[in-house]
Amino acid sequence: MTDTEKRNAYLVLVIAVFCFSFSSIFIRLSDAPAPAIAAYRMVLATLLIAPFALIRSRKRIASLARNDAWFLVATGAVLAVHFLLFVSAVQNTSIASATILINCHPIFVAILAFALLQEGTRYTTAGAVIGMGGIFVISIGDLGSGNIVGDAMAVAGALMEAVYIIMTRVMRKRIDVLTFVFMVNAACALVLVGICIVSSVPLWPYSTDQLLLFLGMAIIPAAIGYTLYNYSLRYLMAPQVSVIQLGEALFASMMAVLFFSEIPSVTILAGAGLILLGIYFVVRTNGKGKKVVAPEPASL
């Protein structure tokens, strides 16, 4: 890899993370219920990739083993809960808290990987402890306010993303990327639509402004953001990707100050610092040139 390619990869990753940060802004601007926002985002995101999947992976999809197909559906259900919790968190706490806490999933991945896959080092242990301390600091700062409910939703959303990542690692060993993304996203969309129906959340009608917000969530964070994100994964290592990805919280918090006058508290900033340090230890690689083996992003 040349220096130019590396610089370009950094730039592309920063732009991708900037695109991710629009997700929480669009959610806050919408007055639709959380299940409807999550459902529209995933339905539209699935429709965007459906033509490519049905043309290039139709035979692979049709030939999926029954157990694999059901596992993909279960993975999509986990992803649906993650999105529902994230949208609800943005609606019930500050954007800074929601985006910081939802991005602490590497800490939970480290814990689950150690418990389920017997993977881990002293760095992952230290990172998990430090990161959990950061979550505690942010939560303590929000005690006594309604924000603690949103904080809990964000942490639960991060945990569900960690479960999704572990499940992804199991399936991606034998299923190609496009088949996996399409099947999981489709299952996720159907689960979210089902949640809306069961909970009597209306899926129609919504104003043109609301529909444009839903479309914006599908295009900017998903279509644009994750295309750029996947490009950067070819050139950057795990610590670089995971730490820079926390920039979503930085960009989202800056826009929250601009659009909603939300100024992060001292405890949020302190907790963010601990979570950032924890994530660095969790994803620290031993040995040079070890590339990140990243799952398909949860926030497609």
C-alpha atoms as a PDB file:
ATOM      1  CA  MET A   1       0.000   0.000   0.000  1.00  0.00           C
ATOM      2  CA  THR A   2       1.400   3.380  -1.009  1.00  0.00           C
ATOM      3  CA  ASP A   3       1.320   6.506   1.145  1.00  0.00           C
ATOM      4  CA  THR A   4      -1.200   8.027  -1.254  1.00  0.00           C
ATOM      5  CA  GLU A   5      -3.538   5.039  -0.931  1.00  0.00           C
ATOM      6  CA  LYS A   6      -3.269   5.207   2.859  1.00  0.00           C
ATOM      7  CA  ARG A   7      -4.015   8.939   2.936  1.00  0.00           C
ATOM      8  CA  ASN A   8      -6.964   8.408   0.611  1.00  0.00           C
ATOM      9  CA  ALA A   9      -8.250   5.585   2.821  1.00  0.00           C
ATOM     10  CA  TYR A  10      -8.145   7.841   5.889  1.00  0.00           C
ATOM     11  CA  LEU A  11      -9.989  10.579   4.009  1.00  0.00           C
ATOM     12  CA  VAL A  12     -12.608   8.147   2.714  1.00  0.00           C
ATOM     13  CA  LEU A  13     -13.154   6.723   6.212  1.00  0.00           C
ATOM     14  CA  VAL A  14     -13.603  10.188   7.727  1.00  0.00           C
ATOM     15  CA  ILE A  15     -16.155  11.067   5.022  1.00  0.00           C
ATOM     16  CA  ALA A  16     -17.953   7.769   5.672  1.00  0.00           C
ATOM     17  CA  VAL A  17     -18.112   8.472   9.409  1.00  0.00           C
ATOM     18  CA  PHE A  18     -19.421  11.968   8.643  1.00  0.00           C
ATOM     19  CA  CYS A  19     -22.210  10.347   6.590  1.00  0.00           C
ATOM     20  CA  PHE A  20     -23.016   8.025   9.513  1.00  0.00           C
ATOM     21  CA  SER A  21     -23.501  11.023  11.799  1.00  0.00           C
ATOM     22  CA  PHE A  22     -26.497  12.221   9.776  1.00  0.00           C
ATOM     23  CA  SER A  23     -28.495   9.231  10.987  1.00  0.00           C
ATOM     24  CA  SER A  24     -29.096  10.626  14.475  1.00  0.00           C
ATOM     25  CA  ILE A  25     -29.842  14.090  13.076  1.00  0.00           C
ATOM     26  CA  PHE A  26     -32.483  12.730  10.715  1.00  0.00           C
ATOM     27  CA  ILE A  27     -34.000  10.714  13.565  1.00  0.00           C
ATOM     28  CA  ARG A  28     -34.221  13.786  15.795  1.00  0.00           C
ATOM     29  CA  LEU A  29     -35.768  15.853  12.986  1.00  0.00           C
ATOM     30  CA  SER A  30     -38.463  13.241  12.418  1.00  0.00           C
ATOM     31  CA  ASP A  31     -41.611  13.207  14.528  1.00  0.00           C
ATOM     32  CA  ALA A  32     -42.550   9.670  13.491  1.00  0.00           C
ATOM     33  CA  PRO A  33     -42.595   6.832  16.071  1.00  0.00           C
ATOM     34  CA  ALA A  34     -39.319   4.939  16.512  1.00  0.00           C
ATOM     35  CA  PRO A  35     -40.573   1.651  14.973  1.00  0.00           C
ATOM     36  CA  ALA A  36     -41.771   3.472  11.835  1.00  0.00           C
ATOM     37  CA  ILE A  37     -38.450   5.315  11.423  1.00  0.00           C
ATOM     38  CA  ALA A  38     -36.467   2.098  11.789  1.00  0.00           C
ATOM     39  CA  ALA A  39     -38.806   0.193   9.448  1.00  0.00           C
ATOM     40  CA  TYR A  40     -38.688   2.794   6.683  1.00  0.00           C
ATOM     41  CA  ARG A  41     -34.919   3.066   6.901  1.00  0.00           C
ATOM     42  CA  MET A  42     -34.412  -0.679   6.504  1.00  0.00           C
ATOM     43  CA  VAL A  43     -37.132  -1.185   3.876  1.00  0.00           C
ATOM     44  CA  LEU A  44     -35.651   1.563   1.706  1.00  0.00           C
ATOM     45  CA  ALA A  45     -32.074   0.375   2.309  1.00  0.00           C
ATOM     46  CA  THR A  46     -33.112  -3.151   1.283  1.00  0.00           C
ATOM     47  CA  LEU A  47     -34.825  -1.880  -1.863  1.00  0.00           C
ATOM     48  CA  LEU A  48     -31.648  -0.001  -2.808  1.00  0.00           C
ATOM     49  CA  ILE A  49     -29.554  -3.171  -2.865  1.00  0.00           C
ATOM     50  CA  ALA A  50     -32.282  -5.571  -4.054  1.00  0.00           C
ATOM     51  CA  PRO A  51     -31.597  -5.144  -7.812  1.00  0.00           C
ATOM     52  CA  PHE A  52     -27.890  -5.933  -7.357  1.00  0.00           C
ATOM     53  CA  ALA A  53     -28.588  -8.898  -5.071  1.00  0.00           C
ATOM     54  CA  LEU A  54     -31.262 -10.421  -7.291  1.00  0.00           C
ATOM     55  CA  ILE A  55     -29.081 -10.088 -10.392  1.00  0.00           C
ATOM     56  CA  ARG A  56     -25.730 -11.196  -8.967  1.00  0.00           C
ATOM     57  CA  SER A  57     -26.710 -13.503  -6.084  1.00  0.00           C
ATOM     58  CA  ARG A  58     -30.061 -14.954  -7.107  1.00  0.00           C
ATOM     59  CA  LYS A  59     -28.738 -18.503  -7.489  1.00  0.00           C
ATOM     60  CA  ARG A  60     -26.850 -18.337  -4.187  1.00  0.00           C
ATOM     61  CA  ILE A  61     -29.953 -17.079  -2.384  1.00  0.00           C
ATOM     62  CA  ALA A  62     -32.106 -19.840  -3.884  1.00  0.00           C
ATOM     63  CA  SER A  63     -29.576 -22.527  -2.943  1.00  0.00           C
ATOM     64  CA  LEU A  64     -29.190 -21.521   0.708  1.00  0.00           C
ATOM     65  CA  ALA A  65     -29.476 -24.411   3.158  1.00  0.00           C
ATOM     66  CA  ARG A  66     -32.534 -24.200   5.394  1.00  0.00           C
ATOM     67  CA  ASN A  67     -30.466 -23.850   8.589  1.00  0.00           C
ATOM     68  CA  ASP A  68     -28.395 -21.068   7.035  1.00  0.00           C
ATOM     69  CA  ALA A  69     -31.510 -19.246   5.856  1.00  0.00           C
ATOM     70  CA  TRP A  70     -33.053 -19.353   9.322  1.00  0.00           C
ATOM     71  CA  PHE A  71     -29.795 -18.209  10.889  1.00  0.00           C
ATOM     72  CA  LEU A  72     -29.787 -15.210   8.528  1.00  0.00           C
ATOM     73  CA  VAL A  73     -33.374 -14.440   9.547  1.00  0.00           C
ATOM     74  CA  ALA A  74     -32.349 -14.580  13.213  1.00  0.00           C
ATOM     75  CA  THR A  75     -29.418 -12.271  12.473  1.00  0.00           C
ATOM     76  CA  GLY A  76     -31.818  -9.844  10.810  1.00  0.00           C
ATOM     77  CA  ALA A  77     -34.086  -9.956  13.870  1.00  0.00           C
ATOM     78  CA  VAL A  78     -31.150  -9.043  16.118  1.00  0.00           C
ATOM     79  CA  LEU A  79     -30.296  -6.183  13.765  1.00  0.00           C
ATOM     80  CA  ALA A  80     -33.922  -5.013  13.902  1.00  0.00           C
ATOM     81  CA  VAL A  81     -33.797  -4.780  17.702  1.00  0.00           C
ATOM     82  CA  HIS A  82     -30.500  -2.871  17.429  1.00  0.00           C
ATOM     83  CA  PHE A  83     -32.029  -0.277  15.089  1.00  0.00           C
ATOM     84  CA  LEU A  84     -35.189   0.062  17.153  1.00  0.00           C
ATOM     85  CA  LEU A  85     -33.136   0.678  20.295  1.00  0.00           C
ATOM     86  CA  PHE A  86     -30.851   3.181  18.540  1.00  0.00           C
ATOM     87  CA  VAL A  87     -33.750   5.234  17.163  1.00  0.00           C
ATOM     88  CA  SER A  88     -35.481   5.145  20.556  1.00  0.00           C
ATOM     89  CA  ALA A  89     -32.241   6.181  22.274  1.00  0.00           C
ATOM     90  CA  VAL A  90     -31.832   9.262  20.052  1.00  0.00           C
ATOM     91  CA  GLN A  91     -35.423  10.203  20.874  1.00  0.00           C
ATOM     92  CA  ASN A  92     -34.889   9.792  24.634  1.00  0.00           C
ATOM     93  CA  THR A  93     -31.410  11.149  25.388  1.00  0.00           C
ATOM     94  CA  SER A  94     -28.914  13.602  23.965  1.00  0.00           C
ATOM     95  CA  ILE A  95     -27.477  12.890  20.546  1.00  0.00           C
ATOM     96  CA  ALA A  96     -23.983  12.912  22.055  1.00  0.00           C
ATOM     97  CA  SER A  97     -24.852  10.236  24.637  1.00  0.00           C
ATOM     98  CA  ALA A  98     -26.760   8.086  22.137  1.00  0.00           C
ATOM     99  CA  THR A  99     -24.032   8.076  19.474  1.00  0.00           C
ATOM    100  CA  ILE A 100     -21.195   7.561  21.954  1.00  0.00           C
ATOM    101  CA  LEU A 101     -22.897   4.679  23.740  1.00  0.00           C
ATOM    102  CA  ILE A 102     -24.153   2.961  20.581  1.00  0.00           C
ATOM    103  CA  ASN A 103     -20.583   2.959  19.252  1.00  0.00           C
ATOM    104  CA  CYS A 104     -19.166   1.184  22.311  1.00  0.00           C
ATOM    105  CA  HIS A 105     -20.083  -2.174  20.736  1.00  0.00           C
ATOM    106  CA  PRO A 106     -16.408  -3.261  20.344  1.00  0.00           C
ATOM    107  CA  ILE A 107     -16.319  -3.530  24.137  1.00  0.00           C
ATOM    108  CA  PHE A 108     -19.271  -5.934  24.161  1.00  0.00           C
ATOM    109  CA  VAL A 109     -17.816  -7.830  21.195  1.00  0.00           C
ATOM    110  CA  ALA A 110     -14.660  -8.376  23.254  1.00  0.00           C
ATOM    111  CA  ILE A 111     -16.701  -9.696  26.188  1.00  0.00           C
ATOM    112  CA  LEU A 112     -18.845 -11.984  24.009  1.00  0.00           C
ATOM    113  CA  ALA A 113     -15.854 -13.202  21.992  1.00  0.00           C
ATOM    114  CA  PHE A 114     -14.109 -14.152  25.223  1.00  0.00           C
ATOM    115  CA  ALA A 115     -17.198 -15.852  26.649  1.00  0.00           C
ATOM    116  CA  LEU A 116     -18.343 -17.657  23.472  1.00  0.00           C
ATOM    117  CA  LEU A 117     -15.261 -18.017  21.292  1.00  0.00           C
ATOM    118  CA  GLN A 118     -12.496 -18.021  23.931  1.00  0.00           C
ATOM    119  CA  GLU A 119     -10.846 -15.115  22.141  1.00  0.00           C
ATOM    120  CA  GLY A 120      -9.101 -12.333  23.988  1.00  0.00           C
ATOM    121  CA  THR A 121      -5.889 -10.908  25.420  1.00  0.00           C
ATOM    122  CA  ARG A 122      -4.915  -8.693  28.332  1.00  0.00           C
ATOM    123  CA  TYR A 123      -5.567  -5.725  26.043  1.00  0.00           C
ATOM    124  CA  THR A 124      -9.181  -6.727  25.419  1.00  0.00           C
ATOM    125  CA  THR A 125      -9.728  -7.275  29.138  1.00  0.00           C
ATOM    126  CA  ALA A 126      -8.285  -3.871  30.001  1.00  0.00           C
ATOM    127  CA  GLY A 127     -10.256  -2.229  27.203  1.00  0.00           C
ATOM    128  CA  ALA A 128     -13.530  -3.800  28.309  1.00  0.00           C
ATOM    129  CA  VAL A 129     -13.009  -2.615  31.901  1.00  0.00           C
ATOM    130  CA  ILE A 130     -12.057   0.924  30.850  1.00  0.00           C
ATOM    131  CA  GLY A 131     -14.911   1.128  28.340  1.00  0.00           C
ATOM    132  CA  MET A 132     -17.482  -0.059  30.859  1.00  0.00           C
ATOM    133  CA  GLY A 133     -16.156   2.641  33.177  1.00  0.00           C
ATOM    134  CA  GLY A 134     -16.892   5.214  30.474  1.00  0.00           C
ATOM    135  CA  ILE A 135     -20.448   3.925  30.112  1.00  0.00           C
ATOM    136  CA  PHE A 136     -20.851   4.188  33.887  1.00  0.00           C
ATOM    137  CA  VAL A 137     -19.581   7.795  33.909  1.00  0.00           C
ATOM    138  CA  ILE A 138     -22.033   8.881  31.204  1.00  0.00           C
ATOM    139  CA  SER A 139     -24.921   7.098  32.952  1.00  0.00           C
ATOM    140  CA  ILE A 140     -24.067   8.665  36.323  1.00  0.00           C
ATOM    141  CA  GLY A 141     -24.159  12.093  34.688  1.00  0.00           C
ATOM    142  CA  ASP A 142     -27.677  11.431  33.411  1.00  0.00           C
ATOM    143  CA  LEU A 143     -29.101  10.062  36.677  1.00  0.00           C
ATOM    144  CA  GLY A 144     -32.109  12.005  37.838  1.00  0.00           C
ATOM    145  CA  SER A 145     -33.114  12.973  34.319  1.00  0.00           C
ATOM    146  CA  GLY A 146     -35.165  11.277  31.648  1.00  0.00           C
ATOM    147  CA  ASN A 147     -31.980  10.808  29.641  1.00  0.00           C
ATOM    148  CA  ILE A 148     -30.997   7.731  31.642  1.00  0.00           C
ATOM    149  CA  VAL A 149     -33.713   5.769  29.819  1.00  0.00           C
ATOM    150  CA  GLY A 150     -32.246   6.742  26.460  1.00  0.00           C
ATOM    151  CA  ASP A 151     -28.749   5.891  27.714  1.00  0.00           C
ATOM    152  CA  ALA A 152     -29.936   2.409  28.688  1.00  0.00           C
ATOM    153  CA  MET A 153     -31.493   1.957  25.239  1.00  0.00           C
ATOM    154  CA  ALA A 154     -28.227   2.987  23.563  1.00  0.00           C
ATOM    155  CA  VAL A 155     -26.180   0.555  25.660  1.00  0.00           C
ATOM    156  CA  ALA A 156     -28.685  -2.210  24.913  1.00  0.00           C
ATOM    157  CA  GLY A 157     -28.448  -1.283  21.230  1.00  0.00           C
ATOM    158  CA  ALA A 158     -24.658  -1.586  21.386  1.00  0.00           C
ATOM    159  CA  LEU A 159     -25.020  -5.000  23.010  1.00  0.00           C
ATOM    160  CA  MET A 160     -27.371  -6.138  20.221  1.00  0.00           C
ATOM    161  CA  GLU A 161     -24.891  -4.889  17.627  1.00  0.00           C
ATOM    162  CA  ALA A 162     -22.199  -6.943  19.356  1.00  0.00           C
ATOM    163  CA  VAL A 163     -24.433 -10.038  19.143  1.00  0.00           C
ATOM    164  CA  TYR A 164     -25.016  -9.240  15.467  1.00  0.00           C
ATOM    165  CA  ILE A 165     -21.263  -9.015  14.851  1.00  0.00           C
ATOM    166  CA  ILE A 166     -20.623 -12.381  16.506  1.00  0.00           C
ATOM    167  CA  MET A 167     -23.415 -13.958  14.431  1.00  0.00           C
ATOM    168  CA  THR A 168     -21.972 -12.308  11.317  1.00  0.00           C
ATOM    169  CA  ARG A 169     -18.582 -13.876  11.945  1.00  0.00           C
ATOM    170  CA  VAL A 170     -20.186 -17.302  12.002  1.00  0.00           C
ATOM    171  CA  MET A 171     -22.052 -16.904   8.687  1.00  0.00           C
ATOM    172  CA  ARG A 172     -19.585 -14.834   6.667  1.00  0.00           C
ATOM    173  CA  LYS A 173     -17.199 -17.806   6.574  1.00  0.00           C
ATOM    174  CA  ARG A 174     -19.437 -19.538   4.029  1.00  0.00           C
ATOM    175  CA  ILE A 175     -21.807 -16.928   2.565  1.00  0.00           C
ATOM    176  CA  ASP A 176     -20.787 -14.130   0.188  1.00  0.00           C
ATOM    177  CA  VAL A 177     -21.179 -10.485   1.190  1.00  0.00           C
ATOM    178  CA  LEU A 178     -24.040  -9.510  -1.122  1.00  0.00           C
ATOM    179  CA  THR A 179     -26.174 -12.547  -0.263  1.00  0.00           C
ATOM    180  CA  PHE A 180     -25.572 -11.995   3.435  1.00  0.00           C
ATOM    181  CA  VAL A 181     -26.354  -8.259   3.396  1.00  0.00           C
ATOM    182  CA  PHE A 182     -29.510  -8.661   1.304  1.00  0.00           C
ATOM    183  CA  MET A 183     -30.949 -11.548   3.313  1.00  0.00           C
ATOM    184  CA  VAL A 184     -30.187  -9.979   6.692  1.00  0.00           C
ATOM    185  CA  ASN A 185     -31.464  -6.555   5.677  1.00  0.00           C
ATOM    186  CA  ALA A 186     -34.639  -8.038   4.204  1.00  0.00           C
ATOM    187  CA  ALA A 187     -35.293 -10.034   7.374  1.00  0.00           C
ATOM    188  CA  CYS A 188     -34.565  -6.957   9.482  1.00  0.00           C
ATOM    189  CA  ALA A 189     -37.011  -4.870   7.435  1.00  0.00           C
ATOM    190  CA  LEU A 190     -39.762  -7.501   7.698  1.00  0.00           C
ATOM    191  CA  VAL A 191     -39.298  -7.808  11.473  1.00  0.00           C
ATOM    192  CA  LEU A 192     -39.525  -4.030  11.897  1.00  0.00           C
ATOM    193  CA  VAL A 193     -42.643  -3.838   9.722  1.00  0.00           C
ATOM    194  CA  GLY A 194     -44.111  -6.662  11.814  1.00  0.00           C
ATOM    195  CA  ILE A 195     -43.323  -4.750  15.018  1.00  0.00           C
ATOM    196  CA  CYS A 196     -45.138  -1.723  13.605  1.00  0.00           C
ATOM    197  CA  ILE A 197     -48.203  -3.815  12.732  1.00  0.00           C
ATOM    198  CA  VAL A 198     -48.331  -5.622  16.088  1.00  0.00           C
ATOM    199  CA  SER A 199     -47.858  -2.402  18.077  1.00  0.00           C
ATOM    200  CA  SER A 200     -50.355  -0.473  15.894  1.00  0.00           C
ATOM    201  CA  VAL A 201     -47.720   2.018  14.732  1.00  0.00           C
ATOM    202  CA  PRO A 202     -48.936   3.553  11.461  1.00  0.00           C
ATOM    203  CA  LEU A 203     -46.761   3.026   8.390  1.00  0.00           C
ATOM    204  CA  TRP A 204     -48.846   5.381   6.275  1.00  0.00           C
ATOM    205  CA  PRO A 205     -49.571   8.204   5.651  1.00  0.00           C
ATOM    206  CA  TYR A 206     -46.572  10.425   6.389  1.00  0.00           C
ATOM    207  CA  SER A 207     -45.867  13.896   5.070  1.00  0.00           C
ATOM    208  CA  THR A 208     -43.466  14.517   2.206  1.00  0.00           C
ATOM    209  CA  ASP A 209     -40.960  15.969   4.696  1.00  0.00           C
ATOM    210  CA  GLN A 210     -41.029  12.786   6.765  1.00  0.00           C
ATOM    211  CA  LEU A 211     -40.642  10.550   3.721  1.00  0.00           C
ATOM    212  CA  LEU A 212     -37.650  12.615   2.591  1.00  0.00           C
ATOM    213  CA  LEU A 213     -36.071  12.143   6.030  1.00  0.00           C
ATOM    214  CA  PHE A 214     -36.598   8.373   5.755  1.00  0.00           C
ATOM    215  CA  LEU A 215     -35.049   8.401   2.284  1.00  0.00           C
ATOM    216  CA  GLY A 216     -32.137  10.495   3.533  1.00  0.00           C
ATOM    217  CA  MET A 217     -31.419   7.882   6.231  1.00  0.00           C
ATOM    218  CA  ALA A 218     -31.344   5.146   3.592  1.00  0.00           C
ATOM    219  CA  ILE A 219     -29.129   7.041   1.151  1.00  0.00           C
ATOM    220  CA  ILE A 220     -26.580   9.064   3.159  1.00  0.00           C
ATOM    221  CA  PRO A 221     -25.610   6.803   6.107  1.00  0.00           C
ATOM    222  CA  ALA A 222     -26.353   3.525   4.283  1.00  0.00           C
ATOM    223  CA  ALA A 223     -25.763   3.768   0.549  1.00  0.00           C
ATOM    224  CA  ILE A 224     -23.021   6.416   0.604  1.00  0.00           C
ATOM    225  CA  GLY A 225     -21.545   5.980   4.089  1.00  0.00           C
ATOM    226  CA  TYR A 226     -21.082   2.225   4.023  1.00  0.00           C
ATOM    227  CA  THR A 227     -19.838   2.097   0.435  1.00  0.00           C
ATOM    228  CA  LEU A 228     -17.017   4.429   1.500  1.00  0.00           C
ATOM    229  CA  TYR A 229     -16.579   2.535   4.782  1.00  0.00           C
ATOM    230  CA  ASN A 230     -16.096  -0.804   3.031  1.00  0.00           C
ATOM    231  CA  TYR A 231     -13.551   0.770   0.674  1.00  0.00           C
ATOM    232  CA  SER A 232     -11.461   1.994   3.611  1.00  0.00           C
ATOM    233  CA  LEU A 233     -11.441  -1.486   5.190  1.00  0.00           C
ATOM    234  CA  ARG A 234      -9.171  -2.659   2.379  1.00  0.00           C
ATOM    235  CA  TYR A 235      -6.323  -0.439   3.598  1.00  0.00           C
ATOM    236  CA  LEU A 236      -6.698   0.292   7.327  1.00  0.00           C
ATOM    237  CA  MET A 237      -6.228  -1.822  10.455  1.00  0.00           C
ATOM    238  CA  ALA A 238      -8.667  -2.474  13.290  1.00  0.00           C
ATOM    239  CA  PRO A 239      -7.491   0.235  15.741  1.00  0.00           C
ATOM    240  CA  GLN A 240      -7.605   2.881  13.036  1.00  0.00           C
ATOM    241  CA  VAL A 241     -11.080   1.954  11.816  1.00  0.00           C
ATOM    242  CA  SER A 242     -12.718   1.482  15.233  1.00  0.00           C
ATOM    243  CA  VAL A 243     -11.276   4.612  16.816  1.00  0.00           C
ATOM    244  CA  ILE A 244     -12.036   6.824  13.810  1.00  0.00           C
ATOM    245  CA  GLN A 245     -15.560   5.346  13.671  1.00  0.00           C
ATOM    246  CA  LEU A 246     -16.219   6.896  17.073  1.00  0.00           C
ATOM    247  CA  GLY A 247     -15.942  10.187  15.170  1.00  0.00           C
ATOM    248  CA  GLU A 248     -19.617   9.639  14.365  1.00  0.00           C
ATOM    249  CA  ALA A 249     -20.361  10.862  17.878  1.00  0.00           C
ATOM    250  CA  LEU A 250     -18.114  13.910  17.361  1.00  0.00           C
ATOM    251  CA  PHE A 251     -19.726  14.955  14.084  1.00  0.00           C
ATOM    252  CA  ALA A 252     -23.251  14.214  15.346  1.00  0.00           C
ATOM    253  CA  SER A 253     -22.619  16.185  18.555  1.00  0.00           C
ATOM    254  CA  MET A 254     -21.340  19.170  16.570  1.00  0.00           C
ATOM    255  CA  MET A 255     -24.448  19.131  14.382  1.00  0.00           C
ATOM    256  CA  ALA A 256     -26.628  18.720  17.489  1.00  0.00           C
ATOM    257  CA  VAL A 257     -25.094  21.919  18.911  1.00  0.00           C
ATOM    258  CA  LEU A 258     -25.771  23.702  15.624  1.00  0.00           C
ATOM    259  CA  PHE A 259     -29.329  22.460  14.991  1.00  0.00           C
ATOM    260  CA  PHE A 260     -30.689  21.690  18.468  1.00  0.00           C
ATOM    261  CA  SER A 261     -28.438  23.673  20.861  1.00  0.00           C
ATOM    262  CA  GLU A 262     -27.417  20.428  22.608  1.00  0.00           C
ATOM    263  CA  ILE A 263     -24.110  21.020  24.413  1.00  0.00           C
ATOM    264  CA  PRO A 264     -22.446  17.837  25.752  1.00  0.00           C
ATOM    265  CA  SER A 265     -21.913  17.821  29.525  1.00  0.00           C
ATOM    266  CA  VAL A 266     -18.573  17.282  31.234  1.00  0.00           C
ATOM    267  CA  THR A 267     -19.556  13.740  32.232  1.00  0.00           C
ATOM    268  CA  ILE A 268     -20.424  12.873  28.631  1.00  0.00           C
ATOM    269  CA  LEU A 269     -17.029  14.137  27.453  1.00  0.00           C
ATOM    270  CA  ALA A 270     -15.213  12.290  30.250  1.00  0.00           C
ATOM    271  CA  GLY A 271     -17.111   9.071  29.547  1.00  0.00           C
ATOM    272  CA  ALA A 272     -16.431   9.422  25.818  1.00  0.00           C
ATOM    273  CA  GLY A 273     -12.710   9.669  26.541  1.00  0.00           C
ATOM    274  CA  LEU A 274     -12.771   6.458  28.575  1.00  0.00           C
ATOM    275  CA  ILE A 275     -14.816   4.619  25.936  1.00  0.00           C
ATOM    276  CA  LEU A 276     -12.412   5.781  23.228  1.00  0.00           C
ATOM    277  CA  LEU A 277      -9.456   4.512  25.264  1.00  0.00           C
ATOM    278  CA  GLY A 278     -11.255   1.247  25.973  1.00  0.00           C
ATOM    279  CA  ILE A 279     -12.030   0.684  22.294  1.00  0.00           C
ATOM    280  CA  TYR A 280      -8.393   1.334  21.419  1.00  0.00           C
ATOM    281  CA  PHE A 281      -7.253  -1.398  23.810  1.00  0.00           C
ATOM    282  CA  VAL A 282      -9.991  -3.777  22.645  1.00  0.00           C
ATOM    283  CA  VAL A 283      -9.077  -3.515  18.961  1.00  0.00           C
ATOM    284  CA  ARG A 284      -5.326  -3.175  19.433  1.00  0.00           C
ATOM    285  CA  THR A 285      -3.560  -5.612  17.099  1.00  0.00           C
ATOM    286  CA  ASN A 286      -0.400  -7.512  17.865  1.00  0.00           C
ATOM    287  CA  GLY A 287       1.951  -7.550  14.928  1.00  0.00           C
ATOM    288  CA  LYS A 288       2.302  -5.311  11.923  1.00  0.00           C
ATOM    289  CA  GLY A 289       0.174  -5.461   8.857  1.00  0.00           C
ATOM    290  CA  LYS A 290      -2.725  -7.294  10.457  1.00  0.00           C
ATOM    291  CA  LYS A 291      -5.801  -6.034   8.680  1.00  0.00           C
ATOM    292  CA  VAL A 292      -9.199  -5.635  10.258  1.00  0.00           C
ATOM    293  CA  VAL A 293     -11.629  -8.454   9.537  1.00  0.00           C
ATOM    294  CA  ALA A 294     -14.754  -6.393   9.771  1.00  0.00           C
ATOM    295  CA  PRO A 295     -18.330  -7.633   9.713  1.00  0.00           C
ATOM    296  CA  GLU A 296     -20.930  -6.132   7.509  1.00  0.00           C
ATOM    297  CA  PRO A 297     -21.854  -2.853   9.188  1.00  0.00           C
ATOM    298  CA  ALA A 298     -24.925  -2.974  11.375  1.00  0.00           C
ATOM    299  CA  SER A 299     -26.179   0.470  10.455  1.00  0.00           C
ATOM    300  CA  LEU A 300     -26.688  -0.142   6.751  1.00  0.00           C
END
